[in-house]
Amino acid sequence: MITFKPIEIEDKPILAPYLWNEPTHSADFSFNNIYSWKDSFNVSFAIVNDCLIIRTFLNGLPYYSAPIGNADDSAFFFFF
């Protein structure tokens, strides 16, 4: 089982390398954006096999980002 940690401002140095290298450079994956929505969407994260996975909740249901980082196939097994 993967443990997700609620995002805190102190997590920026941990998350920044993953987010800076995210290939789409979408605003959805900027630390400031993720952090600003932390209370509204109960944002948390986990590092799995050197990949960042972001979890949010909407209407009580969890939603997960695709793994961000040096993903090999093992990072995707989290979803199954």
Protein backbone atom coordinates (compact mmCIF):
# COMPACT_ATOMS: atom_id res chain seq x y z
CA MET A 1 0.00 0.00 0.00
CA ILE A 2 1.24 3.46 -0.85
CA THR A 3 1.23 6.17 1.79
CA PHE A 4 0.24 9.61 0.57
CA LYS A 5 1.45 12.68 2.44
CA PRO A 6 -0.61 15.89 2.58
CA ILE A 7 1.27 18.60 0.70
CA GLU A 8 2.96 21.28 2.79
CA ILE A 9 5.06 24.29 1.84
CA GLU A 10 8.14 22.46 3.17
CA ASP A 11 7.64 19.80 0.45
CA LYS A 12 8.58 22.17 -2.38
CA PRO A 13 12.26 21.03 -2.50
CA ILE A 14 11.09 17.41 -2.72
CA LEU A 15 8.51 17.99 -5.45
CA ALA A 16 10.27 20.67 -7.50
CA PRO A 17 12.67 18.37 -9.41
CA TYR A 18 9.76 16.20 -10.56
CA LEU A 19 7.54 19.14 -11.47
CA TRP A 20 10.28 21.06 -13.31
CA ASN A 21 10.94 18.04 -15.51
CA GLU A 22 7.28 17.31 -16.23
CA PRO A 23 7.23 17.34 -20.06
CA THR A 24 3.98 19.28 -20.70
CA HIS A 25 4.94 22.19 -18.41
CA SER A 26 1.25 22.49 -17.62
CA ALA A 27 0.18 24.90 -14.89
CA ASP A 28 -1.55 21.89 -13.33
CA PHE A 29 1.91 20.69 -12.37
CA SER A 30 3.35 23.85 -10.85
CA PHE A 31 4.04 23.68 -7.14
CA ASN A 32 2.29 26.99 -6.49
CA ASN A 33 -0.87 25.80 -8.23
CA ILE A 34 -0.89 22.43 -6.49
CA TYR A 35 -0.22 24.02 -3.11
CA SER A 36 -2.91 26.68 -3.57
CA TRP A 37 -5.57 23.99 -4.09
CA LYS A 38 -4.39 21.77 -1.22
CA ASP A 39 -7.30 22.58 1.10
CA SER A 40 -10.04 22.61 -1.54
CA PHE A 41 -9.07 19.23 -3.03
CA ASN A 42 -7.23 17.57 -0.12
CA VAL A 43 -4.04 17.33 -2.20
CA SER A 44 -1.44 14.76 -1.18
CA PHE A 45 1.49 13.07 -2.88
CA ALA A 46 3.64 9.96 -2.87
CA ILE A 47 6.96 9.09 -4.44
CA VAL A 48 6.79 5.63 -6.03
CA ASN A 49 9.77 4.13 -7.84
CA ASP A 50 11.30 7.59 -8.33
CA CYS A 51 8.00 8.97 -9.67
CA LEU A 52 5.72 11.58 -8.16
CA ILE A 53 2.03 10.71 -7.93
CA ILE A 54 -0.40 13.44 -6.90
CA ARG A 55 -3.75 12.55 -5.35
CA THR A 56 -6.73 14.88 -5.10
CA PHE A 57 -10.32 14.38 -4.04
CA LEU A 58 -13.46 15.67 -5.72
CA ASN A 59 -16.90 14.90 -4.33
CA GLY A 60 -15.28 12.37 -2.01
CA LEU A 61 -13.64 10.39 -4.82
CA PRO A 62 -9.87 10.12 -5.24
CA TYR A 63 -8.18 11.18 -8.46
CA TYR A 64 -4.54 10.43 -9.29
CA SER A 65 -2.04 12.00 -11.65
CA ALA A 66 -0.07 9.81 -13.97
CA PRO A 67 3.41 9.16 -12.53
CA ILE A 68 5.75 12.12 -13.09
CA GLY A 69 9.43 11.28 -13.28
CA ASN A 70 11.65 8.49 -14.47
CA ALA A 71 8.80 6.06 -14.92
CA ASP A 72 9.36 2.51 -15.87
CA ASP A 73 6.47 0.08 -16.04
CA SER A 74 6.58 -0.59 -12.29
CA ALA A 75 5.37 2.94 -11.49
CA PHE A 76 2.16 2.27 -13.38
CA PHE A 77 1.29 -0.87 -11.42
CA PHE A 78 0.18 1.43 -8.63
CA PHE A 79 -3.02 2.00 -10.62
CA PHE A 80 -3.98 -1.67 -10.91
